[in-house]
Amino acid sequence: RAFDERVVLSAKGGRGGGGARLTPFGRLLVRVYRGFEAELQRRAARSFAAVASRAQVRAAAGGSGGGKRGAAHRRRPRRPVTPLRARPR
């Protein structure tokens, strides 16, 4: 448990179908998290603006992203991606 207060109130299914809803603390937590996330996005955009503009110039000039790749890339076969499976509870 991460918090002393409950974040969600839940009801088991049945005839009414059950469900879950946020507590007032849960709503506060979501609101604060969304503000944090928005601020993080703003800071990231400012921090990486110079890098992003260089990448756009290079891509527009055909500097990377297309054409032939080097021999080092051809030597390495790609590994298959294995999907994650949910653990039984």
PDB file of N, CA and C in Angstrom:
ATOM      1  N   ARG A   1       0.830  -1.194   0.000  1.00  0.00           N
ATOM      2  CA  ARG A   1       0.000   0.000   0.000  1.00  0.00           C
ATOM      3  C   ARG A   1       0.862   1.239   0.000  1.00  0.00           C
ATOM      4  N   ALA A   2       0.628   2.122  -0.941  1.00  0.00           N
ATOM      5  CA  ALA A   2       1.452   3.316  -1.074  1.00  0.00           C
ATOM      6  C   ALA A   2       0.936   4.485  -0.234  1.00  0.00           C
ATOM      7  N   PHE A   3      -0.353   4.535   0.051  1.00  0.00           N
ATOM      8  CA  PHE A   3      -0.944   5.658   0.769  1.00  0.00           C
ATOM      9  C   PHE A   3      -1.715   5.158   1.983  1.00  0.00           C
ATOM     10  N   ASP A   4      -1.808   6.002   2.992  1.00  0.00           N
ATOM     11  CA  ASP A   4      -2.599   5.659   4.175  1.00  0.00           C
ATOM     12  C   ASP A   4      -4.088   5.763   3.888  1.00  0.00           C
ATOM     13  N   GLU A   5      -4.459   6.670   2.978  1.00  0.00           N
ATOM     14  CA  GLU A   5      -5.869   6.839   2.618  1.00  0.00           C
ATOM     15  C   GLU A   5      -6.207   5.999   1.401  1.00  0.00           C
ATOM     16  N   ARG A   6      -7.463   5.608   1.319  1.00  0.00           N
ATOM     17  CA  ARG A   6      -7.915   4.841   0.149  1.00  0.00           C
ATOM     18  C   ARG A   6      -8.028   5.748  -1.055  1.00  0.00           C
ATOM     19  N   VAL A   7      -7.654   5.211  -2.212  1.00  0.00           N
ATOM     20  CA  VAL A   7      -7.715   5.943  -3.472  1.00  0.00           C
ATOM     21  C   VAL A   7      -8.985   5.567  -4.229  1.00  0.00           C
ATOM     22  N   VAL A   8      -9.393   4.308  -4.120  1.00  0.00           N
ATOM     23  CA  VAL A   8     -10.531   3.774  -4.868  1.00  0.00           C
ATOM     24  C   VAL A   8     -11.447   3.014  -3.917  1.00  0.00           C
ATOM     25  N   LEU A   9     -12.747   3.157  -4.144  1.00  0.00           N
ATOM     26  CA  LEU A   9     -13.736   2.334  -3.464  1.00  0.00           C
ATOM     27  C   LEU A   9     -14.270   1.360  -4.498  1.00  0.00           C
ATOM     28  N   SER A  10     -14.303   0.090  -4.167  1.00  0.00           N
ATOM     29  CA  SER A  10     -14.769  -0.889  -5.149  1.00  0.00           C
ATOM     30  C   SER A  10     -15.888  -1.735  -4.557  1.00  0.00           C
ATOM     31  N   ALA A  11     -16.717  -2.236  -5.451  1.00  0.00           N
ATOM     32  CA  ALA A  11     -17.799  -3.124  -5.059  1.00  0.00           C
ATOM     33  C   ALA A  11     -17.733  -4.356  -5.950  1.00  0.00           C
ATOM     34  N   LYS A  12     -17.878  -5.525  -5.356  1.00  0.00           N
ATOM     35  CA  LYS A  12     -17.842  -6.763  -6.130  1.00  0.00           C
ATOM     36  C   LYS A  12     -19.036  -6.839  -7.059  1.00  0.00           C
ATOM     37  N   GLY A  13     -18.851  -7.588  -8.128  1.00  0.00           N
ATOM     38  CA  GLY A  13     -19.918  -7.756  -9.111  1.00  0.00           C
ATOM     39  C   GLY A  13     -21.086  -8.533  -8.548  1.00  0.00           C
ATOM     40  N   GLY A  14     -22.084  -8.629  -9.288  1.00  0.00           N
ATOM     41  CA  GLY A  14     -23.307  -9.307  -8.887  1.00  0.00           C
ATOM     42  C   GLY A  14     -24.400  -8.840  -9.803  1.00  0.00           C
ATOM     43  N   ARG A  15     -25.557  -8.773  -9.252  1.00  0.00           N
ATOM     44  CA  ARG A  15     -26.682  -8.340 -10.076  1.00  0.00           C
ATOM     45  C   ARG A  15     -26.508  -6.930 -10.611  1.00  0.00           C
ATOM     46  N   GLY A  16     -25.976  -6.053  -9.779  1.00  0.00           N
ATOM     47  CA  GLY A  16     -25.767  -4.659 -10.194  1.00  0.00           C
ATOM     48  C   GLY A  16     -24.508  -4.459 -11.016  1.00  0.00           C
ATOM     49  N   GLY A  17     -23.626  -5.451 -11.066  1.00  0.00           N
ATOM     50  CA  GLY A  17     -22.436  -5.356 -11.891  1.00  0.00           C
ATOM     51  C   GLY A  17     -21.184  -4.881 -11.180  1.00  0.00           C
ATOM     52  N   GLY A  18     -21.288  -4.436  -9.937  1.00  0.00           N
ATOM     53  CA  GLY A  18     -20.092  -3.986  -9.224  1.00  0.00           C
ATOM     54  C   GLY A  18     -19.526  -2.722  -9.833  1.00  0.00           C
ATOM     55  N   GLY A  19     -18.285  -2.422  -9.497  1.00  0.00           N
ATOM     56  CA  GLY A  19     -17.645  -1.245 -10.068  1.00  0.00           C
ATOM     57  C   GLY A  19     -16.642  -0.650  -9.108  1.00  0.00           C
ATOM     58  N   ALA A  20     -16.084   0.463  -9.503  1.00  0.00           N
ATOM     59  CA  ALA A  20     -15.099   1.165  -8.680  1.00  0.00           C
ATOM     60  C   ALA A  20     -15.243   2.656  -8.930  1.00  0.00           C
ATOM     61  N   ARG A  21     -14.925   3.431  -7.896  1.00  0.00           N
ATOM     62  CA  ARG A  21     -14.929   4.891  -8.059  1.00  0.00           C
ATOM     63  C   ARG A  21     -13.855   5.479  -7.163  1.00  0.00           C
ATOM     64  N   LEU A  22     -13.378   6.636  -7.580  1.00  0.00           N
ATOM     65  CA  LEU A  22     -12.328   7.317  -6.837  1.00  0.00           C
ATOM     66  C   LEU A  22     -12.899   7.949  -5.574  1.00  0.00           C
ATOM     67  N   THR A  23     -12.106   7.926  -4.525  1.00  0.00           N
ATOM     68  CA  THR A  23     -12.436   8.663  -3.311  1.00  0.00           C
ATOM     69  C   THR A  23     -12.048  10.122  -3.537  1.00  0.00           C
ATOM     70  N   PRO A  24     -12.432  11.034  -2.656  1.00  0.00           N
ATOM     71  CA  PRO A  24     -11.960  12.425  -2.792  1.00  0.00           C
ATOM     72  C   PRO A  24     -10.426  12.493  -2.831  1.00  0.00           C
ATOM     73  N   PHE A  25      -9.762  11.685  -2.022  1.00  0.00           N
ATOM     74  CA  PHE A  25      -8.303  11.639  -2.050  1.00  0.00           C
ATOM     75  C   PHE A  25      -7.811  11.127  -3.407  1.00  0.00           C
ATOM     76  N   GLY A  26      -8.479  10.145  -3.970  1.00  0.00           N
ATOM     77  CA  GLY A  26      -8.114   9.616  -5.283  1.00  0.00           C
ATOM     78  C   GLY A  26      -8.244  10.665  -6.372  1.00  0.00           C
ATOM     79  N   ARG A  27      -9.314  11.467  -6.312  1.00  0.00           N
ATOM     80  CA  ARG A  27      -9.500  12.547  -7.290  1.00  0.00           C
ATOM     81  C   ARG A  27      -8.391  13.590  -7.153  1.00  0.00           C
ATOM     82  N   LEU A  28      -8.019  13.916  -5.908  1.00  0.00           N
ATOM     83  CA  LEU A  28      -6.917  14.851  -5.667  1.00  0.00           C
ATOM     84  C   LEU A  28      -5.622  14.280  -6.234  1.00  0.00           C
ATOM     85  N   LEU A  29      -5.378  13.016  -5.990  1.00  0.00           N
ATOM     86  CA  LEU A  29      -4.171  12.364  -6.478  1.00  0.00           C
ATOM     87  C   LEU A  29      -4.089  12.419  -8.007  1.00  0.00           C
ATOM     88  N   VAL A  30      -5.188  12.141  -8.691  1.00  0.00           N
ATOM     89  CA  VAL A  30      -5.221  12.190 -10.157  1.00  0.00           C
ATOM     90  C   VAL A  30      -4.986  13.620 -10.638  1.00  0.00           C
ATOM     91  N   ARG A  31      -5.615  14.604  -9.993  1.00  0.00           N
ATOM     92  CA  ARG A  31      -5.450  16.001 -10.389  1.00  0.00           C
ATOM     93  C   ARG A  31      -3.993  16.447 -10.228  1.00  0.00           C
ATOM     94  N   VAL A  32      -3.372  16.095  -9.098  1.00  0.00           N
ATOM     95  CA  VAL A  32      -1.978  16.470  -8.863  1.00  0.00           C
ATOM     96  C   VAL A  32      -1.064  15.762  -9.862  1.00  0.00           C
ATOM     97  N   TYR A  33      -1.333  14.492 -10.141  1.00  0.00           N
ATOM     98  CA  TYR A  33      -0.508  13.745 -11.097  1.00  0.00           C
ATOM     99  C   TYR A  33      -0.612  14.351 -12.498  1.00  0.00           C
ATOM    100  N   ARG A  34      -1.815  14.727 -12.908  1.00  0.00           N
ATOM    101  CA  ARG A  34      -1.980  15.321 -14.251  1.00  0.00           C
ATOM    102  C   ARG A  34      -1.251  16.647 -14.360  1.00  0.00           C
ATOM    103  N   GLY A  35      -1.250  17.441 -13.295  1.00  0.00           N
ATOM    104  CA  GLY A  35      -0.477  18.688 -13.285  1.00  0.00           C
ATOM    105  C   GLY A  35       1.012  18.408 -13.377  1.00  0.00           C
ATOM    106  N   PHE A  36       1.477  17.413 -12.632  1.00  0.00           N
ATOM    107  CA  PHE A  36       2.877  17.005 -12.678  1.00  0.00           C
ATOM    108  C   PHE A  36       3.260  16.553 -14.088  1.00  0.00           C
ATOM    109  N   GLU A  37       2.407  15.743 -14.696  1.00  0.00           N
ATOM    110  CA  GLU A  37       2.673  15.222 -16.035  1.00  0.00           C
ATOM    111  C   GLU A  37       2.728  16.359 -17.067  1.00  0.00           C
ATOM    112  N   ALA A  38       1.813  17.318 -16.955  1.00  0.00           N
ATOM    113  CA  ALA A  38       1.799  18.451 -17.881  1.00  0.00           C
ATOM    114  C   ALA A  38       3.071  19.284 -17.730  1.00  0.00           C
ATOM    115  N   GLU A  39       3.487  19.527 -16.494  1.00  0.00           N
ATOM    116  CA  GLU A  39       4.716  20.286 -16.252  1.00  0.00           C
ATOM    117  C   GLU A  39       5.928  19.533 -16.795  1.00  0.00           C
ATOM    118  N   LEU A  40       5.950  18.238 -16.621  1.00  0.00           N
ATOM    119  CA  LEU A  40       7.044  17.413 -17.131  1.00  0.00           C
ATOM    120  C   LEU A  40       7.111  17.499 -18.656  1.00  0.00           C
ATOM    121  N   GLN A  41       5.957  17.455 -19.317  1.00  0.00           N
ATOM    122  CA  GLN A  41       5.928  17.567 -20.781  1.00  0.00           C
ATOM    123  C   GLN A  41       6.436  18.933 -21.237  1.00  0.00           C
ATOM    124  N   ARG A  42       6.052  19.998 -20.536  1.00  0.00           N
ATOM    125  CA  ARG A  42       6.522  21.341 -20.891  1.00  0.00           C
ATOM    126  C   ARG A  42       8.043  21.436 -20.747  1.00  0.00           C
ATOM    127  N   ARG A  43       8.550  20.923 -19.623  1.00  0.00           N
ATOM    128  CA  ARG A  43      10.000  20.973 -19.398  1.00  0.00           C
ATOM    129  C   ARG A  43      10.756  20.131 -20.416  1.00  0.00           C
ATOM    130  N   ALA A  44      10.219  18.970 -20.745  1.00  0.00           N
ATOM    131  CA  ALA A  44      10.873  18.113 -21.735  1.00  0.00           C
ATOM    132  C   ALA A  44      10.906  18.797 -23.092  1.00  0.00           C
ATOM    133  N   ALA A  45       9.808  19.438 -23.463  1.00  0.00           N
ATOM    134  CA  ALA A  45       9.761  20.138 -24.755  1.00  0.00           C
ATOM    135  C   ALA A  45      10.818  21.242 -24.802  1.00  0.00           C
ATOM    136  N   ARG A  46      10.949  21.996 -23.705  1.00  0.00           N
ATOM    137  CA  ARG A  46      11.972  23.057 -23.664  1.00  0.00           C
ATOM    138  C   ARG A  46      13.374  22.461 -23.694  1.00  0.00           C
ATOM    139  N   SER A  47      13.591  21.405 -22.920  1.00  0.00           N
ATOM    140  CA  SER A  47      14.923  20.816 -22.818  1.00  0.00           C
ATOM    141  C   SER A  47      15.393  20.192 -24.118  1.00  0.00           C
ATOM    142  N   PHE A  48      14.486  19.596 -24.872  1.00  0.00           N
ATOM    143  CA  PHE A  48      14.870  18.880 -26.076  1.00  0.00           C
ATOM    144  C   PHE A  48      14.581  19.658 -27.361  1.00  0.00           C
ATOM    145  N   ALA A  49      14.199  20.927 -27.247  1.00  0.00           N
ATOM    146  CA  ALA A  49      13.858  21.711 -28.436  1.00  0.00           C
ATOM    147  C   ALA A  49      15.031  21.801 -29.407  1.00  0.00           C
ATOM    148  N   ALA A  50      16.228  22.059 -28.896  1.00  0.00           N
ATOM    149  CA  ALA A  50      17.395  22.183 -29.771  1.00  0.00           C
ATOM    150  C   ALA A  50      17.700  20.861 -30.465  1.00  0.00           C
ATOM    151  N   VAL A  51      17.600  19.772 -29.740  1.00  0.00           N
ATOM    152  CA  VAL A  51      17.865  18.457 -30.319  1.00  0.00           C
ATOM    153  C   VAL A  51      16.810  18.125 -31.370  1.00  0.00           C
ATOM    154  N   ALA A  52      15.567  18.403 -31.064  1.00  0.00           N
ATOM    155  CA  ALA A  52      14.481  18.101 -31.998  1.00  0.00           C
ATOM    156  C   ALA A  52      14.626  18.904 -33.282  1.00  0.00           C
ATOM    157  N   SER A  53      15.010  20.173 -33.182  1.00  0.00           N
ATOM    158  CA  SER A  53      15.152  20.981 -34.391  1.00  0.00           C
ATOM    159  C   SER A  53      16.310  20.476 -35.237  1.00  0.00           C
ATOM    160  N   ARG A  54      17.381  20.017 -34.620  1.00  0.00           N
ATOM    161  CA  ARG A  54      18.505  19.448 -35.386  1.00  0.00           C
ATOM    162  C   ARG A  54      18.081  18.163 -36.078  1.00  0.00           C
ATOM    163  N   ALA A  55      17.293  17.340 -35.387  1.00  0.00           N
ATOM    164  CA  ALA A  55      16.849  16.074 -35.979  1.00  0.00           C
ATOM    165  C   ALA A  55      15.939  16.334 -37.171  1.00  0.00           C
ATOM    166  N   GLN A  56      15.100  17.349 -37.096  1.00  0.00           N
ATOM    167  CA  GLN A  56      14.199  17.679 -38.202  1.00  0.00           C
ATOM    168  C   GLN A  56      14.981  18.189 -39.397  1.00  0.00           C
ATOM    169  N   VAL A  57      16.009  19.006 -39.161  1.00  0.00           N
ATOM    170  CA  VAL A  57      16.834  19.523 -40.253  1.00  0.00           C
ATOM    171  C   VAL A  57      17.552  18.373 -40.924  1.00  0.00           C
ATOM    172  N   ARG A  58      18.119  17.467 -40.143  1.00  0.00           N
ATOM    173  CA  ARG A  58      18.852  16.341 -40.686  1.00  0.00           C
ATOM    174  C   ARG A  58      17.929  15.424 -41.484  1.00  0.00           C
ATOM    175  N   ALA A  59      16.739  15.159 -40.962  1.00  0.00           N
ATOM    176  CA  ALA A  59      15.794  14.286 -41.657  1.00  0.00           C
ATOM    177  C   ALA A  59      15.339  14.936 -42.962  1.00  0.00           C
ATOM    178  N   ALA A  60      15.118  16.232 -42.947  1.00  0.00           N
ATOM    179  CA  ALA A  60      14.686  16.931 -44.156  1.00  0.00           C
ATOM    180  C   ALA A  60      15.781  16.903 -45.219  1.00  0.00           C
ATOM    181  N   ALA A  61      17.045  16.906 -44.779  1.00  0.00           N
ATOM    182  CA  ALA A  61      18.166  16.879 -45.713  1.00  0.00           C
ATOM    183  C   ALA A  61      18.489  15.462 -46.165  1.00  0.00           C
ATOM    184  N   GLY A  62      17.794  14.488 -45.621  1.00  0.00           N
ATOM    185  CA  GLY A  62      18.056  13.094 -45.993  1.00  0.00           C
ATOM    186  C   GLY A  62      19.268  12.526 -45.287  1.00  0.00           C
ATOM    187  N   GLY A  63      19.637  13.118 -44.154  1.00  0.00           N
ATOM    188  CA  GLY A  63      20.839  12.687 -43.445  1.00  0.00           C
ATOM    189  C   GLY A  63      20.717  11.367 -42.740  1.00  0.00           C
ATOM    190  N   SER A  64      19.538  11.027 -42.258  1.00  0.00           N
ATOM    191  CA  SER A  64      19.393   9.747 -41.568  1.00  0.00           C
ATOM    192  C   SER A  64      17.964   9.266 -41.711  1.00  0.00           C
ATOM    193  N   GLY A  65      17.786   7.984 -41.476  1.00  0.00           N
ATOM    194  CA  GLY A  65      16.458   7.422 -41.511  1.00  0.00           C
ATOM    195  C   GLY A  65      16.133   6.704 -42.796  1.00  0.00           C
ATOM    196  N   GLY A  66      16.963   6.827 -43.795  1.00  0.00           N
ATOM    197  CA  GLY A  66      16.669   6.138 -45.047  1.00  0.00           C
ATOM    198  C   GLY A  66      17.950   5.656 -45.693  1.00  0.00           C
ATOM    199  N   GLY A  67      17.847   5.036 -46.821  1.00  0.00           N
ATOM    200  CA  GLY A  67      19.028   4.594 -47.536  1.00  0.00           C
ATOM    201  C   GLY A  67      19.594   3.308 -46.989  1.00  0.00           C
ATOM    202  N   LYS A  68      20.815   2.990 -47.432  1.00  0.00           N
ATOM    203  CA  LYS A  68      21.460   1.742 -47.033  1.00  0.00           C
ATOM    204  C   LYS A  68      22.022   1.876 -45.631  1.00  0.00           C
ATOM    205  N   ARG A  69      22.022   0.763 -44.926  1.00  0.00           N
ATOM    206  CA  ARG A  69      22.581   0.751 -43.580  1.00  0.00           C
ATOM    207  C   ARG A  69      23.940   0.092 -43.631  1.00  0.00           C
ATOM    208  N   GLY A  70      24.721   0.351 -42.608  1.00  0.00           N
ATOM    209  CA  GLY A  70      26.078  -0.189 -42.559  1.00  0.00           C
ATOM    210  C   GLY A  70      26.112  -1.701 -42.367  1.00  0.00           C
ATOM    211  N   ALA A  71      27.291  -2.284 -42.588  1.00  0.00           N
ATOM    212  CA  ALA A  71      27.472  -3.732 -42.483  1.00  0.00           C
ATOM    213  C   ALA A  71      27.221  -4.227 -41.071  1.00  0.00           C
ATOM    214  N   ALA A  72      27.527  -3.416 -40.058  1.00  0.00           N
ATOM    215  CA  ALA A  72      27.335  -3.846 -38.673  1.00  0.00           C
ATOM    216  C   ALA A  72      25.871  -4.159 -38.402  1.00  0.00           C
ATOM    217  N   HIS A  73      24.986  -3.412 -39.034  1.00  0.00           N
ATOM    218  CA  HIS A  73      23.564  -3.667 -38.824  1.00  0.00           C
ATOM    219  C   HIS A  73      23.146  -4.981 -39.465  1.00  0.00           C
ATOM    220  N   ARG A  74      23.678  -5.284 -40.627  1.00  0.00           N
ATOM    221  CA  ARG A  74      23.305  -6.516 -41.328  1.00  0.00           C
ATOM    222  C   ARG A  74      23.789  -7.763 -40.614  1.00  0.00           C
ATOM    223  N   ARG A  75      24.866  -7.657 -39.863  1.00  0.00           N
ATOM    224  CA  ARG A  75      25.403  -8.842 -39.181  1.00  0.00           C
ATOM    225  C   ARG A  75      24.545  -9.288 -38.015  1.00  0.00           C
ATOM    226  N   ARG A  76      23.822  -8.373 -37.405  1.00  0.00           N
ATOM    227  CA  ARG A  76      23.048  -8.706 -36.212  1.00  0.00           C
ATOM    228  C   ARG A  76      21.624  -9.080 -36.574  1.00  0.00           C
ATOM    229  N   PRO A  77      21.241 -10.341 -36.407  1.00  0.00           N
ATOM    230  CA  PRO A  77      19.838 -10.681 -36.662  1.00  0.00           C
ATOM    231  C   PRO A  77      18.962 -10.130 -35.545  1.00  0.00           C
ATOM    232  N   ARG A  78      17.758  -9.770 -35.885  1.00  0.00           N
ATOM    233  CA  ARG A  78      16.825  -9.275 -34.865  1.00  0.00           C
ATOM    234  C   ARG A  78      16.310 -10.420 -34.022  1.00  0.00           C
ATOM    235  N   ARG A  79      16.186 -10.140 -32.740  1.00  0.00           N
ATOM    236  CA  ARG A  79      15.597 -11.127 -31.839  1.00  0.00           C
ATOM    237  C   ARG A  79      14.087 -10.996 -31.891  1.00  0.00           C
ATOM    238  N   PRO A  80      13.365 -12.120 -31.858  1.00  0.00           N
ATOM    239  CA  PRO A  80      11.908 -12.006 -31.847  1.00  0.00           C
ATOM    240  C   PRO A  80      11.430 -11.400 -30.530  1.00  0.00           C
ATOM    241  N   VAL A  81      10.402 -10.617 -30.599  1.00  0.00           N
ATOM    242  CA  VAL A  81       9.826 -10.003 -29.404  1.00  0.00           C
ATOM    243  C   VAL A  81       8.839 -10.985 -28.803  1.00  0.00           C
ATOM    244  N   THR A  82       9.021 -11.274 -27.528  1.00  0.00           N
ATOM    245  CA  THR A  82       8.092 -12.180 -26.859  1.00  0.00           C
ATOM    246  C   THR A  82       7.124 -11.372 -26.028  1.00  0.00           C
ATOM    247  N   PRO A  83       5.825 -11.613 -26.158  1.00  0.00           N
ATOM    248  CA  PRO A  83       4.856 -10.828 -25.398  1.00  0.00           C
ATOM    249  C   PRO A  83       4.924 -11.171 -23.909  1.00  0.00           C
ATOM    250  N   LEU A  84       4.617 -10.163 -23.106  1.00  0.00           N
ATOM    251  CA  LEU A  84       4.551 -10.379 -21.666  1.00  0.00           C
ATOM    252  C   LEU A  84       3.243 -11.065 -21.323  1.00  0.00           C
ATOM    253  N   ARG A  85       3.281 -11.924 -20.377  1.00  0.00           N
ATOM    254  CA  ARG A  85       2.063 -12.607 -19.935  1.00  0.00           C
ATOM    255  C   ARG A  85       1.726 -12.162 -18.521  1.00  0.00           C
ATOM    256  N   ALA A  86       0.471 -11.962 -18.270  1.00  0.00           N
ATOM    257  CA  ALA A  86       0.035 -11.576 -16.932  1.00  0.00           C
ATOM    258  C   ALA A  86       0.219 -12.751 -15.993  1.00  0.00           C
ATOM    259  N   ARG A  87       0.709 -12.453 -14.812  1.00  0.00           N
ATOM    260  CA  ARG A  87       0.864 -13.499 -13.802  1.00  0.00           C
ATOM    261  C   ARG A  87      -0.476 -13.823 -13.175  1.00  0.00           C
ATOM    262  N   PRO A  88      -0.745 -15.092 -12.922  1.00  0.00           N
ATOM    263  CA  PRO A  88      -1.995 -15.412 -12.211  1.00  0.00           C
ATOM    264  C   PRO A  88      -1.939 -14.918 -10.791  1.00  0.00           C
ATOM    265  N   ARG A  89      -3.040 -14.456 -10.295  1.00  0.00           N
ATOM    266  CA  ARG A  89      -3.074 -13.936  -8.911  1.00  0.00           C
ATOM    267  C   ARG A  89      -3.402 -15.016  -7.928  1.00  0.00           C
TER     268      ARG A  89
END
